[in-house]
Protein backbone atom coordinates (compact mmCIF):
# COMPACT_ATOMS: atom_id res chain seq x y z
CA MET A 1 0.00 0.00 0.00
CA THR A 2 1.52 3.30 -1.07
CA ILE A 3 0.89 6.53 0.75
CA PRO A 4 -0.11 9.44 -1.53
CA HIS A 5 2.32 12.33 -1.72
CA PRO A 6 1.40 15.36 0.41
CA ALA A 7 0.24 18.65 -1.06
CA CYS A 8 2.71 21.53 -1.20
CA PRO A 9 2.18 23.92 1.74
CA SER A 10 3.15 26.95 -0.40
CA CYS A 11 1.06 26.55 -3.54
CA GLY A 12 -1.27 23.66 -2.60
CA SER A 13 -0.26 21.57 -5.61
CA SER A 14 -0.42 17.80 -5.35
CA ALA A 15 2.43 17.38 -7.85
CA THR A 16 5.09 16.52 -5.25
CA LEU A 17 7.79 13.87 -5.14
CA PRO A 18 10.14 12.60 -2.42
CA PHE A 19 13.45 14.47 -2.55
CA GLU A 20 16.39 12.30 -3.67
CA SER A 21 19.87 13.44 -2.82
CA GLU A 22 22.57 13.18 -5.47
CA GLU A 23 25.04 12.08 -2.80
CA GLY A 24 23.17 8.79 -2.34
CA PRO A 25 24.83 5.42 -1.96
CA GLY A 26 27.23 4.38 -4.68
CA GLY A 27 26.99 1.38 -6.95
CA GLY A 28 29.18 -0.99 -4.98
CA GLY A 29 29.87 -1.74 -1.37
CA SER A 30 33.02 -1.65 0.65
CA PRO A 31 34.93 -4.92 1.18
CA LEU A 32 33.69 -4.98 4.78
CA ASP A 33 30.07 -4.82 3.58
CA VAL A 34 30.68 -7.68 1.15
CA ALA A 35 32.37 -9.80 3.83
CA LEU A 36 29.54 -9.15 6.30
CA GLY A 37 26.99 -10.04 3.61
CA VAL A 38 28.69 -13.37 2.92
CA LEU A 39 28.94 -14.06 6.66
CA PHE A 40 25.24 -13.27 7.04
CA LEU A 41 24.43 -15.70 4.21
CA PHE A 42 26.33 -18.54 5.88
CA LEU A 43 24.82 -17.77 9.28
CA SER A 44 21.32 -17.77 7.81
CA LEU A 45 21.98 -21.19 6.21
CA LEU A 46 23.23 -22.47 9.58
CA ALA A 47 20.11 -21.09 11.25
CA ALA A 48 17.91 -22.87 8.70
CA VAL A 49 19.70 -26.19 9.32
CA LEU A 50 19.38 -25.75 13.08
CA PHE A 51 15.70 -24.89 12.68
CA PHE A 52 15.05 -28.11 10.77
CA LEU A 53 17.00 -30.13 13.34
CA ILE A 54 14.98 -28.62 16.18
CA GLY A 55 11.78 -29.13 14.18
CA ARG A 56 12.60 -32.80 13.72
CA ALA A 57 13.12 -33.26 17.45
CA SER A 58 10.33 -31.06 18.71
CA LEU A 59 7.76 -29.38 16.49
CA PRO A 60 6.32 -27.05 19.18
CA ALA A 61 9.79 -25.70 20.01
CA ALA A 62 10.40 -25.00 16.32
CA VAL A 63 7.08 -23.17 15.96
CA ILE A 64 7.79 -21.05 19.05
CA LEU A 65 11.27 -20.24 17.72
CA LEU A 66 9.84 -19.27 14.31
CA LEU A 67 7.19 -17.09 15.95
CA ALA A 68 9.78 -15.36 18.14
CA LEU A 69 12.01 -14.64 15.13
CA PHE A 70 9.05 -13.24 13.16
CA LEU A 71 8.02 -10.96 16.02
CA PHE A 72 11.61 -9.74 16.48
CA TRP A 73 11.86 -8.93 12.76
CA ARG A 74 8.51 -7.10 12.81
CA GLN A 75 9.51 -5.04 15.86
CA ARG A 76 12.78 -3.99 14.20
CA ARG A 77 10.90 -2.96 11.06
CA GLU A 78 8.44 -0.86 13.06
CA ARG A 79 11.27 0.82 14.99
CA ARG A 80 13.10 1.62 11.74
CA ARG A 81 9.92 3.08 10.23
CA ALA A 82 9.33 5.28 13.31
CA ARG A 83 12.97 6.40 13.39
CA ASN A 84 12.95 7.68 9.81
CA GLY A 85 10.68 10.59 10.76
CA PRO A 86 9.57 13.26 8.28
CA ARG A 87 10.89 13.15 4.73
CA PHE A 88 11.83 15.93 2.34
CA TYR A 89 9.56 16.50 -0.66
CA VAL A 90 9.95 18.76 -3.67
CA CYS A 91 7.05 20.51 -5.39
CA LEU A 92 7.14 20.17 -9.18
CA ASP A 93 5.10 23.35 -9.71
CA CYS A 94 6.86 25.91 -7.49
CA ASN A 95 10.20 24.04 -7.00
CA ARG A 96 10.14 24.39 -3.20
CA ASN A 97 11.36 21.80 -0.74
CA PHE A 98 9.35 20.97 2.36
CA ARG A 99 9.16 18.33 5.08
CA TYR A 100 6.18 16.11 5.62
């Protein structure tokens, strides 16, 4: 579900877009980012194997573990969304920047 862009407070136009900085992230990552990404991949595979081993031994423990991981992921996503705060928008009609 997408949220409609806010109207410009100066001219009232609805032709607004989120402001994108030209100093955004580059095309590639640093070697540390790549190494951490590979490490995360291997750790996630290990977690999947451990999950199936626990599920084989005890299905209720595996379901509780899966539920706890899902709730932890959802809480982190909600915290990240709340931390972002207001965004910058640019009006295409009057070329003004504003926060919403």
